[in-house]
Protein backbone atom coordinates (compact mmCIF):
# COMPACT_ATOMS: atom_id res chain seq x y z
CA MET A 1 174.73 72.02 82.29
CA SER A 2 176.71 74.72 80.46
CA VAL A 3 175.09 77.51 78.49
CA GLU A 4 176.51 76.05 75.29
CA HIS A 5 174.92 72.67 76.05
CA LYS A 6 171.60 74.33 76.86
CA LEU A 7 171.76 76.14 73.51
CA ARG A 8 172.41 72.83 71.76
CA VAL A 9 169.33 71.36 73.41
CA LEU A 10 167.34 74.41 72.37
CA HIS A 11 168.59 74.04 68.79
CA GLU A 12 167.38 70.44 68.75
CA ALA A 13 163.93 71.68 69.74
CA LEU A 14 164.12 74.35 67.04
CA ASP A 15 165.10 71.78 64.42
CA ASN A 16 162.09 69.66 65.36
CA CYS A 17 159.60 72.55 65.38
CA ARG A 18 156.70 72.20 62.95
CA ALA A 19 154.40 74.83 64.48
CA CYS A 20 153.85 76.78 61.25
CA SER A 21 152.26 75.18 58.20
CA THR A 22 152.63 78.47 56.33
CA VAL A 23 156.44 78.54 56.10
CA ILE A 24 159.08 76.66 54.15
CA GLY A 25 161.61 74.67 56.14
CA PRO A 26 164.11 73.72 57.23
CA VAL A 27 164.67 75.69 60.40
CA VAL A 28 167.74 77.92 60.09
CA HIS A 29 169.94 78.92 63.03
CA GLY A 30 173.58 79.59 63.74
CA PRO A 31 175.85 77.55 66.01
CA PRO A 32 175.45 77.61 69.83
CA VAL A 33 177.87 80.50 70.33
CA VAL A 34 178.01 81.79 73.90
CA SER A 35 178.33 85.50 73.21
CA PRO A 36 177.60 88.88 74.83
CA VAL A 37 176.24 90.04 71.44
CA LEU A 38 172.91 88.88 70.01
CA ILE A 39 171.93 89.65 66.42
CA VAL A 40 168.22 89.47 65.64
CA GLY A 41 167.34 89.20 61.96
CA GLN A 42 163.94 89.01 60.28
CA ALA A 43 163.82 85.49 58.80
CA PRO A 44 165.95 83.34 56.50
CA GLY A 45 165.68 83.85 52.77
CA PRO A 46 164.98 81.17 50.16
CA ARG A 47 168.59 79.93 50.00
CA GLU A 48 169.62 79.87 53.67
CA GLY A 49 167.79 76.60 54.33
CA LYS A 50 169.90 74.69 51.80
CA ILE A 51 173.09 76.37 53.00
CA GLY A 52 172.18 75.80 56.66
CA ARG A 53 173.12 79.12 58.21
CA PRO A 54 171.59 82.60 58.57
CA PHE A 55 172.66 85.56 56.43
CA ALA A 56 174.30 83.23 53.94
CA TRP A 57 173.37 84.98 50.69
CA THR A 58 173.45 88.51 49.23
CA ALA A 59 172.17 90.36 52.31
CA GLY A 60 174.65 88.44 54.43
CA LYS A 61 177.57 89.54 52.28
CA THR A 62 176.60 93.15 52.91
CA LEU A 63 176.05 92.57 56.64
CA PHE A 64 179.46 90.97 57.09
CA LYS A 65 181.09 93.79 55.14
CA TRP A 66 179.53 96.16 57.67
CA PHE A 67 180.87 94.12 60.57
CA GLU A 68 184.31 93.91 59.00
CA GLN A 69 184.24 97.69 58.60
CA ALA A 70 183.20 98.11 62.24
CA THR A 71 185.35 95.46 63.91
CA GLY A 72 188.04 94.42 61.45
CA GLN A 73 186.84 90.83 61.80
CA THR A 74 186.15 88.37 58.99
CA GLU A 75 182.78 86.70 58.43
CA GLU A 76 184.12 83.44 59.83
CA ARG A 77 185.31 85.16 63.00
CA VAL A 78 182.02 87.05 63.43
CA ARG A 79 180.06 83.81 63.12
CA GLU A 80 182.33 82.20 65.71
CA ARG A 81 181.93 85.02 68.23
CA ILE A 82 178.42 86.47 67.80
CA TYR A 83 175.11 84.67 68.27
CA PHE A 84 172.72 84.89 65.33
CA SER A 85 168.99 84.58 65.84
CA ALA A 86 165.88 85.88 64.10
CA VAL A 87 162.26 86.82 64.60
CA ALA A 88 161.35 83.73 62.53
CA ARG A 89 163.56 80.73 61.72
CA CYS A 90 161.97 79.36 58.56
CA PHE A 91 161.61 80.99 55.15
CA PRO A 92 158.13 82.59 55.05
CA GLY A 93 157.85 82.25 51.28
CA LYS A 94 157.38 84.85 48.59
CA ALA A 95 155.05 87.84 48.86
CA LYS A 96 152.54 88.62 46.14
CA SER A 97 154.73 91.58 45.22
CA GLY A 98 157.51 89.16 44.35
CA GLY A 99 159.85 89.84 47.29
CA ASP A 100 160.26 87.73 50.39
CA ARG A 101 157.17 87.70 52.61
CA LYS A 102 157.56 89.02 56.15
CA PRO A 103 156.62 86.59 58.92
CA ASP A 104 153.04 87.10 60.07
CA PRO A 105 152.01 87.62 63.74
CA THR A 106 151.27 83.93 64.29
CA GLU A 107 154.63 82.84 62.89
CA ILE A 108 156.40 85.45 65.02
CA ALA A 109 154.52 84.27 68.11
CA ASN A 110 155.42 80.63 67.41
CA CYS A 111 159.12 81.51 67.22
CA ARG A 112 159.13 83.94 70.15
CA PRO A 113 159.65 81.32 72.91
CA PHE A 114 162.89 80.21 71.27
CA LEU A 115 164.18 83.77 71.02
CA GLU A 116 163.11 84.42 74.61
CA LYS A 117 165.01 81.34 75.79
CA GLU A 118 168.12 82.33 73.84
CA THR A 119 168.04 85.77 75.43
CA THR A 120 167.57 84.27 78.89
CA LEU A 121 170.52 81.94 78.39
CA LEU A 122 172.89 84.46 76.82
CA LYS A 123 171.98 87.58 78.84
CA PRO A 124 173.46 89.71 76.03
CA LEU A 125 175.09 93.04 76.76
CA LEU A 126 174.22 94.18 73.24
CA VAL A 127 171.32 93.29 70.95
CA VAL A 128 171.59 94.25 67.27
CA PRO A 129 168.23 94.08 65.47
CA VAL A 130 168.63 94.08 61.70
CA GLY A 131 165.81 95.56 59.66
CA THR A 132 162.45 97.12 60.42
CA LEU A 133 160.67 93.98 61.65
CA ALA A 134 163.44 93.02 64.06
CA ILE A 135 163.69 96.62 65.29
CA GLU A 136 159.95 96.64 65.90
CA GLN A 137 160.16 93.41 67.89
CA VAL A 138 163.11 94.58 70.01
CA LEU A 139 162.30 98.26 70.55
CA THR A 140 158.57 98.32 69.70
CA HIS A 141 159.43 101.08 67.21
CA LYS A 142 157.21 101.30 64.15
CA GLY A 143 157.95 103.84 61.48
CA PRO A 144 160.93 105.39 59.69
CA LEU A 145 164.43 104.08 60.34
CA ALA A 146 166.08 107.49 60.74
CA PRO A 147 165.02 108.00 64.39
CA VAL A 148 166.60 104.70 65.51
CA ILE A 149 169.66 104.10 63.31
CA GLY A 150 172.90 105.63 64.58
CA LYS A 151 171.78 105.71 68.21
CA ARG A 152 172.32 103.52 71.25
CA PHE A 153 169.29 102.54 73.31
CA GLN A 154 168.73 100.61 76.50
CA THR A 155 165.68 98.43 76.84
CA THR A 156 164.32 95.39 78.62
CA TYR A 157 164.17 92.59 76.08
CA HIS A 158 162.51 89.33 77.13
CA GLY A 159 163.01 90.35 80.75
CA HIS A 160 166.69 91.22 80.30
CA LEU A 161 168.10 94.77 80.43
CA THR A 162 170.40 95.31 77.46
CA ASP A 163 171.81 97.90 75.08
CA VAL A 164 170.41 98.03 71.56
CA ILE A 165 172.06 99.34 68.40
CA CYS A 166 169.91 98.98 65.28
CA LEU A 167 170.99 98.30 61.73
CA PRO A 168 168.99 98.70 58.52
CA HIS A 169 168.31 95.56 56.54
CA PRO A 170 171.25 94.86 54.21
CA SER A 171 168.97 93.62 51.43
CA GLY A 172 169.99 94.54 47.92
CA ALA A 173 166.38 95.55 47.31
CA SER A 174 166.71 98.38 49.81
CA THR A 175 168.44 101.64 48.93
CA TRP A 176 167.99 103.21 52.38
CA HIS A 177 171.53 102.49 53.57
CA ARG A 178 173.06 103.71 50.29
CA VAL A 179 171.60 107.24 50.17
CA SER A 180 171.39 110.15 52.62
CA PRO A 181 170.61 110.22 55.46
CA GLY A 182 170.76 106.42 55.64
CA LYS A 183 174.39 105.99 54.66
CA GLU A 184 175.56 108.54 57.25
CA LEU A 185 173.37 107.03 59.99
CA LEU A 186 174.65 103.56 59.12
CA LEU A 187 178.23 104.76 59.66
CA LYS A 188 177.23 106.15 63.06
CA ALA A 189 175.64 102.83 63.97
CA LEU A 190 178.77 100.92 62.94
CA ASP A 191 180.94 103.26 65.01
CA LEU A 192 178.69 102.65 68.03
CA ILE A 193 178.89 98.89 67.51
CA ALA A 194 182.68 99.03 67.18
CA ALA A 195 183.01 100.98 70.43
CA HIS A 196 180.60 98.90 72.49
CA PRO A 197 182.18 96.89 75.34
CA ALA A 198 180.29 93.77 74.30
CA ILE A 199 182.05 93.80 70.93
CA GLN A 200 185.41 94.19 72.63
CA GLN A 201 184.55 91.28 74.92
CA ALA A 202 183.30 89.08 72.10
CA PHE A 203 186.52 89.36 70.11
CA THR A 204 189.08 89.33 72.92
CA CYS A 205 187.93 86.39 75.03
């Protein structure tokens, strides 16, 4: 059975998951792209479920602008060549503050086996966690973004040794990537992504 077919089977299991009564479906995931690059987001927003793909609204527009800046590739091409996953696959709902609620530890734990299986199948050369929650899950880093953005790390993620280049969350509610030192560190991160062999492999095969 090919990796692509195994991913399709995994996606069927994801689509049928009802482990969390605290989230709003449907499950959101990208296509079964066999890629050396794995993007790990936080969770879908309120509109991604209806659209049926991750990073499909305002934050996604910013993220794909970053990738176009780094790689010269369009959103369509990036979606065709890079595998998109997330810490949680259903919209967690709104927070009391009015923004999107972050997935809680139980929701993260319920989704973790799917992310672990994806990592095992893909064996990515590069993992790109997007935002503080994804960075925490991949690198176990809690705290300010400045120490981790604009650097390349190597870590064992779900039993697989891989490089990690972090990105801030592209949410319009965040100003971190638009002011110093965030905007300069973001440019460094994009340069590192552009130069990584996994990116070259993803867009030349």
